[in-house]
Amino acid sequence: MKTAYEVALDKLEALELIPRITDPLGSSWKQPDRSEILLDDTHALMSVETFERLAEYSATKPTGVYPGKMWRRHDGAFDREFLARGGKPEWLLCWYGESEIGPGYCSNRHRVIILLDGELPV
């Protein structure tokens, strides 16, 4: 039987876009707390410190796929054709979310990063 605290966390989880990491594989993954990032449908608002504590995977995706794992991506930075056409890379907050397929599957989600207190690296 769940405690009142666990029930409250589950209810809060239903409102959160980025799930809690509950997979044992996530025990060694370092990332900022979800509460440090404000999300809407298109953007992720965070401090420079939070941004810097996200692992960067701009040319690949991290291994160890489980819901709640977050990272940053400089999207387009390694796409030569995109850059040749004058494209400007943008920083994304990415995370593995719960999949609609069911348990054991993850979705890839992202939002454009906006910093509260500084400028994004180019």
N, C-alpha and C. Protein backbone atom coordinates (compact mmCIF):
# COMPACT_ATOMS: atom_id res chain seq x y z
N MET A 1 0.84 -1.18 0.00
CA MET A 1 0.00 0.00 0.00
C MET A 1 0.89 1.24 0.00
N LYS A 2 0.52 2.24 -0.82
CA LYS A 2 1.31 3.46 -0.93
C LYS A 2 1.02 4.40 0.24
N THR A 3 2.06 5.16 0.60
CA THR A 3 1.89 6.18 1.62
C THR A 3 1.18 7.38 1.01
N ALA A 4 0.71 8.28 1.85
CA ALA A 4 0.05 9.50 1.36
C ALA A 4 1.02 10.31 0.51
N TYR A 5 2.29 10.33 0.90
CA TYR A 5 3.31 11.05 0.14
C TYR A 5 3.47 10.46 -1.26
N GLU A 6 3.52 9.14 -1.36
CA GLU A 6 3.66 8.48 -2.66
C GLU A 6 2.45 8.73 -3.54
N VAL A 7 1.26 8.73 -2.97
CA VAL A 7 0.04 9.02 -3.72
C VAL A 7 0.08 10.46 -4.24
N ALA A 8 0.52 11.39 -3.38
CA ALA A 8 0.62 12.80 -3.80
C ALA A 8 1.63 12.95 -4.92
N LEU A 9 2.77 12.25 -4.83
CA LEU A 9 3.77 12.31 -5.90
C LEU A 9 3.21 11.76 -7.21
N ASP A 10 2.45 10.69 -7.14
CA ASP A 10 1.84 10.12 -8.34
C ASP A 10 0.87 11.11 -8.99
N LYS A 11 0.11 11.81 -8.18
CA LYS A 11 -0.83 12.81 -8.72
C LYS A 11 -0.07 13.96 -9.36
N LEU A 12 1.00 14.40 -8.69
CA LEU A 12 1.83 15.46 -9.24
C LEU A 12 2.47 15.00 -10.53
N GLU A 13 2.90 13.75 -10.57
CA GLU A 13 3.53 13.18 -11.76
C GLU A 13 2.62 13.28 -12.98
N ALA A 14 1.32 13.14 -12.78
CA ALA A 14 0.37 13.21 -13.89
C ALA A 14 0.36 14.60 -14.51
N LEU A 15 0.75 15.61 -13.74
CA LEU A 15 0.77 16.98 -14.24
C LEU A 15 2.11 17.35 -14.87
N GLU A 16 3.14 16.59 -14.58
CA GLU A 16 4.50 16.90 -15.03
C GLU A 16 4.74 16.35 -16.44
N LEU A 17 5.44 17.14 -17.24
CA LEU A 17 5.82 16.67 -18.57
C LEU A 17 7.05 15.77 -18.52
N ILE A 18 7.98 16.09 -17.62
CA ILE A 18 9.19 15.28 -17.48
C ILE A 18 8.99 14.36 -16.28
N PRO A 19 8.95 13.06 -16.52
CA PRO A 19 8.70 12.13 -15.40
C PRO A 19 9.89 12.03 -14.45
N ARG A 20 9.62 11.58 -13.24
CA ARG A 20 10.69 11.27 -12.29
C ARG A 20 11.48 10.08 -12.82
N ILE A 21 12.78 10.06 -12.54
CA ILE A 21 13.58 8.88 -12.87
C ILE A 21 13.34 7.84 -11.78
N THR A 22 12.78 6.72 -12.18
CA THR A 22 12.55 5.63 -11.23
C THR A 22 13.31 4.37 -11.62
N ASP A 23 13.82 4.33 -12.83
CA ASP A 23 14.58 3.16 -13.30
C ASP A 23 15.91 3.09 -12.55
N PRO A 24 16.31 1.90 -12.09
CA PRO A 24 17.60 1.75 -11.40
C PRO A 24 18.79 2.23 -12.23
N LEU A 25 18.69 2.18 -13.56
CA LEU A 25 19.77 2.68 -14.40
C LEU A 25 20.04 4.16 -14.17
N GLY A 26 19.02 4.88 -13.71
CA GLY A 26 19.15 6.32 -13.50
C GLY A 26 19.84 6.71 -12.22
N SER A 27 20.21 5.74 -11.40
CA SER A 27 20.81 6.07 -10.10
C SER A 27 22.15 6.79 -10.22
N SER A 28 22.86 6.61 -11.30
CA SER A 28 24.16 7.27 -11.44
C SER A 28 24.14 8.44 -12.44
N TRP A 29 23.00 8.68 -13.09
CA TRP A 29 22.89 9.77 -14.06
C TRP A 29 22.74 11.09 -13.32
N LYS A 30 23.60 12.06 -13.63
CA LYS A 30 23.58 13.37 -12.99
C LYS A 30 22.84 14.37 -13.86
N GLN A 31 21.85 15.03 -13.28
CA GLN A 31 21.09 16.06 -13.98
C GLN A 31 20.45 16.97 -12.96
N PRO A 32 20.06 18.19 -13.37
CA PRO A 32 19.38 19.08 -12.43
C PRO A 32 17.99 18.54 -12.09
N ASP A 33 17.46 19.00 -10.98
CA ASP A 33 16.11 18.61 -10.59
C ASP A 33 15.10 19.21 -11.56
N ARG A 34 14.05 18.46 -11.83
CA ARG A 34 13.00 18.93 -12.76
C ARG A 34 12.38 20.25 -12.31
N SER A 35 12.36 20.50 -11.00
CA SER A 35 11.74 21.71 -10.47
C SER A 35 12.51 22.98 -10.85
N GLU A 36 13.74 22.83 -11.35
CA GLU A 36 14.56 23.98 -11.75
C GLU A 36 14.25 24.44 -13.18
N ILE A 37 13.35 23.75 -13.87
CA ILE A 37 13.05 24.04 -15.27
C ILE A 37 11.55 24.26 -15.43
N LEU A 38 11.19 25.40 -15.98
CA LEU A 38 9.78 25.69 -16.26
C LEU A 38 9.50 25.38 -17.72
N LEU A 39 8.44 24.63 -17.98
CA LEU A 39 8.11 24.21 -19.34
C LEU A 39 6.77 24.76 -19.78
N ASP A 40 6.67 25.08 -21.07
CA ASP A 40 5.37 25.26 -21.70
C ASP A 40 5.35 24.36 -22.91
N ASP A 41 4.48 24.60 -23.86
CA ASP A 41 4.36 23.72 -25.02
C ASP A 41 5.56 23.76 -25.96
N THR A 42 6.36 24.83 -25.90
CA THR A 42 7.46 24.98 -26.85
C THR A 42 8.80 25.31 -26.23
N HIS A 43 8.82 25.82 -25.00
CA HIS A 43 10.06 26.32 -24.41
C HIS A 43 10.35 25.73 -23.03
N ALA A 44 11.64 25.76 -22.68
CA ALA A 44 12.11 25.37 -21.35
C ALA A 44 12.90 26.56 -20.80
N LEU A 45 12.45 27.10 -19.70
CA LEU A 45 13.08 28.26 -19.07
C LEU A 45 13.92 27.77 -17.90
N MET A 46 15.22 28.17 -17.88
CA MET A 46 16.12 27.70 -16.83
C MET A 46 17.25 28.70 -16.61
N SER A 47 17.99 28.53 -15.52
CA SER A 47 19.16 29.36 -15.23
C SER A 47 20.37 28.83 -16.00
N VAL A 48 21.41 29.65 -16.06
CA VAL A 48 22.66 29.23 -16.69
C VAL A 48 23.23 28.03 -15.93
N GLU A 49 23.17 28.07 -14.60
CA GLU A 49 23.70 26.96 -13.80
C GLU A 49 22.98 25.65 -14.14
N THR A 50 21.66 25.71 -14.26
CA THR A 50 20.90 24.51 -14.62
C THR A 50 21.30 24.02 -16.00
N PHE A 51 21.41 24.94 -16.95
CA PHE A 51 21.83 24.60 -18.32
C PHE A 51 23.17 23.88 -18.30
N GLU A 52 24.13 24.40 -17.53
CA GLU A 52 25.47 23.84 -17.50
C GLU A 52 25.51 22.47 -16.83
N ARG A 53 24.53 22.14 -15.99
CA ARG A 53 24.50 20.83 -15.33
C ARG A 53 23.82 19.76 -16.18
N LEU A 54 23.28 20.13 -17.33
CA LEU A 54 22.73 19.15 -18.26
C LEU A 54 23.87 18.58 -19.11
N ALA A 55 23.92 17.28 -19.23
CA ALA A 55 24.91 16.67 -20.12
C ALA A 55 24.60 17.09 -21.55
N GLU A 56 25.65 17.27 -22.36
CA GLU A 56 25.43 17.67 -23.75
C GLU A 56 25.57 16.48 -24.69
N TYR A 57 24.56 16.30 -25.52
CA TYR A 57 24.56 15.29 -26.58
C TYR A 57 24.05 15.96 -27.84
N SER A 58 24.95 16.67 -28.54
CA SER A 58 24.54 17.41 -29.74
C SER A 58 24.68 16.59 -31.01
N ALA A 59 25.53 15.58 -30.99
CA ALA A 59 25.75 14.78 -32.19
C ALA A 59 25.21 13.36 -32.04
N THR A 60 24.83 12.98 -30.83
CA THR A 60 24.32 11.63 -30.56
C THR A 60 23.18 11.73 -29.56
N LYS A 61 22.66 10.59 -29.16
CA LYS A 61 21.69 10.52 -28.07
C LYS A 61 22.32 9.70 -26.96
N PRO A 62 21.98 10.02 -25.70
CA PRO A 62 22.57 9.23 -24.62
C PRO A 62 22.05 7.80 -24.61
N THR A 63 22.89 6.89 -24.15
CA THR A 63 22.48 5.51 -23.98
C THR A 63 21.79 5.38 -22.62
N GLY A 64 21.31 4.21 -22.32
CA GLY A 64 20.60 4.04 -21.06
C GLY A 64 19.26 4.75 -21.14
N VAL A 65 18.36 4.24 -21.94
CA VAL A 65 17.08 4.89 -22.20
C VAL A 65 16.08 4.54 -21.10
N TYR A 66 15.60 5.58 -20.40
CA TYR A 66 14.57 5.40 -19.37
C TYR A 66 13.88 6.75 -19.16
N PRO A 67 12.60 6.73 -18.80
CA PRO A 67 11.85 7.97 -18.62
C PRO A 67 12.48 8.89 -17.58
N GLY A 68 12.49 10.17 -17.91
CA GLY A 68 12.99 11.19 -17.01
C GLY A 68 14.41 11.64 -17.26
N LYS A 69 15.14 10.92 -18.08
CA LYS A 69 16.53 11.28 -18.37
C LYS A 69 16.55 12.53 -19.26
N MET A 70 17.26 13.58 -18.82
CA MET A 70 17.32 14.86 -19.53
C MET A 70 18.74 15.15 -20.01
N TRP A 71 18.84 15.91 -21.12
CA TRP A 71 20.13 16.37 -21.63
C TRP A 71 19.88 17.59 -22.49
N ARG A 72 20.95 18.25 -22.91
CA ARG A 72 20.84 19.39 -23.82
C ARG A 72 21.45 19.02 -25.17
N ARG A 73 20.90 19.63 -26.20
CA ARG A 73 21.34 19.35 -27.57
C ARG A 73 21.44 20.67 -28.33
N HIS A 74 22.56 20.90 -28.99
CA HIS A 74 22.69 22.07 -29.87
C HIS A 74 22.23 21.62 -31.24
N ASP A 75 20.93 21.69 -31.45
CA ASP A 75 20.30 21.10 -32.62
C ASP A 75 20.70 21.83 -33.90
N GLY A 76 21.22 21.09 -34.85
CA GLY A 76 21.65 21.66 -36.12
C GLY A 76 23.13 21.99 -36.18
N ALA A 77 23.82 21.95 -35.05
CA ALA A 77 25.23 22.35 -35.01
C ALA A 77 26.14 21.44 -35.84
N PHE A 78 25.71 20.19 -36.08
CA PHE A 78 26.54 19.25 -36.83
C PHE A 78 25.90 18.88 -38.17
N ASP A 79 24.91 19.63 -38.60
CA ASP A 79 24.23 19.38 -39.87
C ASP A 79 24.80 20.34 -40.91
N ARG A 80 25.74 19.86 -41.70
CA ARG A 80 26.45 20.72 -42.67
C ARG A 80 25.51 21.36 -43.68
N GLU A 81 24.55 20.61 -44.19
CA GLU A 81 23.61 21.16 -45.17
C GLU A 81 22.76 22.27 -44.55
N PHE A 82 22.27 22.05 -43.34
CA PHE A 82 21.49 23.05 -42.61
C PHE A 82 22.30 24.33 -42.42
N LEU A 83 23.55 24.18 -41.99
CA LEU A 83 24.42 25.34 -41.76
C LEU A 83 24.75 26.05 -43.07
N ALA A 84 24.97 25.28 -44.15
CA ALA A 84 25.30 25.87 -45.45
C ALA A 84 24.14 26.70 -45.99
N ARG A 85 22.91 26.33 -45.63
CA ARG A 85 21.73 27.09 -46.06
C ARG A 85 21.47 28.30 -45.16
N GLY A 86 22.38 28.53 -44.20
CA GLY A 86 22.22 29.68 -43.30
C GLY A 86 21.46 29.36 -42.03
N GLY A 87 21.23 28.06 -41.77
CA GLY A 87 20.51 27.68 -40.57
C GLY A 87 21.25 28.05 -39.29
N LYS A 88 20.52 28.40 -38.28
CA LYS A 88 21.09 28.76 -36.98
C LYS A 88 20.73 27.68 -35.97
N PRO A 89 21.73 26.98 -35.45
CA PRO A 89 21.46 25.95 -34.44
C PRO A 89 20.78 26.55 -33.21
N GLU A 90 19.95 25.75 -32.55
CA GLU A 90 19.31 26.21 -31.32
C GLU A 90 19.48 25.15 -30.24
N TRP A 91 19.54 25.62 -29.00
CA TRP A 91 19.69 24.71 -27.87
C TRP A 91 18.34 24.14 -27.48
N LEU A 92 18.31 22.84 -27.29
CA LEU A 92 17.08 22.16 -26.89
C LEU A 92 17.30 21.43 -25.57
N LEU A 93 16.28 21.45 -24.72
CA LEU A 93 16.22 20.53 -23.60
C LEU A 93 15.54 19.28 -24.14
N CYS A 94 16.20 18.15 -24.00
CA CYS A 94 15.64 16.87 -24.47
C CYS A 94 15.46 15.95 -23.28
N TRP A 95 14.49 15.05 -23.38
CA TRP A 95 14.30 14.04 -22.34
C TRP A 95 13.56 12.85 -22.90
N TYR A 96 13.77 11.72 -22.25
CA TYR A 96 13.00 10.53 -22.56
C TYR A 96 11.73 10.58 -21.72
N GLY A 97 10.59 10.49 -22.38
CA GLY A 97 9.31 10.51 -21.68
C GLY A 97 8.64 9.15 -21.76
N GLU A 98 7.54 9.06 -21.06
CA GLU A 98 6.71 7.84 -21.13
C GLU A 98 6.13 7.75 -22.54
N SER A 99 6.06 6.56 -23.08
CA SER A 99 5.52 6.36 -24.41
C SER A 99 4.05 5.93 -24.34
N GLU A 100 3.31 6.35 -25.33
CA GLU A 100 1.91 5.93 -25.43
C GLU A 100 1.81 4.46 -25.83
N ILE A 101 2.90 3.88 -26.33
CA ILE A 101 2.90 2.46 -26.72
C ILE A 101 2.69 1.59 -25.50
N GLY A 102 3.31 1.98 -24.37
CA GLY A 102 3.14 1.23 -23.14
C GLY A 102 4.42 1.10 -22.35
N PRO A 103 4.37 0.38 -21.24
CA PRO A 103 5.56 0.20 -20.39
C PRO A 103 6.71 -0.43 -21.16
N GLY A 104 7.92 0.02 -20.85
CA GLY A 104 9.10 -0.51 -21.53
C GLY A 104 9.48 0.27 -22.77
N TYR A 105 8.69 1.27 -23.14
CA TYR A 105 8.97 2.11 -24.30
C TYR A 105 9.09 3.56 -23.85
N CYS A 106 9.95 4.31 -24.55
CA CYS A 106 10.13 5.73 -24.25
C CYS A 106 9.91 6.57 -25.50
N SER A 107 9.52 7.81 -25.27
CA SER A 107 9.41 8.77 -26.36
C SER A 107 10.55 9.77 -26.21
N ASN A 108 10.91 10.42 -27.30
CA ASN A 108 11.90 11.50 -27.28
C ASN A 108 11.14 12.82 -27.29
N ARG A 109 11.40 13.65 -26.30
CA ARG A 109 10.71 14.94 -26.20
C ARG A 109 11.74 16.06 -26.14
N HIS A 110 11.31 17.27 -26.50
CA HIS A 110 12.24 18.41 -26.43
C HIS A 110 11.49 19.73 -26.36
N ARG A 111 12.20 20.76 -25.89
CA ARG A 111 11.73 22.14 -25.85
C ARG A 111 12.94 23.04 -26.14
N VAL A 112 12.69 24.19 -26.77
CA VAL A 112 13.74 25.19 -27.01
C VAL A 112 14.10 25.83 -25.68
N ILE A 113 15.39 25.95 -25.40
CA ILE A 113 15.85 26.49 -24.13
C ILE A 113 15.91 28.02 -24.17
N ILE A 114 15.41 28.63 -23.11
CA ILE A 114 15.55 30.07 -22.85
C ILE A 114 16.20 30.20 -21.48
N LEU A 115 17.26 31.02 -21.41
CA LEU A 115 17.94 31.22 -20.13
C LEU A 115 17.40 32.45 -19.42
N LEU A 116 17.26 32.33 -18.12
CA LEU A 116 16.78 33.44 -17.28
C LEU A 116 17.82 34.51 -17.08
N ASP A 117 19.08 34.10 -16.99
CA ASP A 117 20.11 35.00 -16.49
C ASP A 117 21.40 34.96 -17.30
N GLY A 118 21.30 34.90 -18.60
CA GLY A 118 22.52 34.88 -19.41
C GLY A 118 22.18 34.56 -20.85
N GLU A 119 23.24 34.40 -21.63
CA GLU A 119 23.05 34.09 -23.04
C GLU A 119 23.53 32.67 -23.32
N LEU A 120 22.86 32.03 -24.25
CA LEU A 120 23.24 30.67 -24.65
C LEU A 120 24.53 30.70 -25.44
N PRO A 121 25.39 29.69 -25.27
CA PRO A 121 26.59 29.61 -26.10
C PRO A 121 26.22 29.44 -27.57
N VAL A 122 27.06 29.96 -28.44
CA VAL A 122 26.81 29.87 -29.87
C VAL A 122 27.37 28.60 -30.43
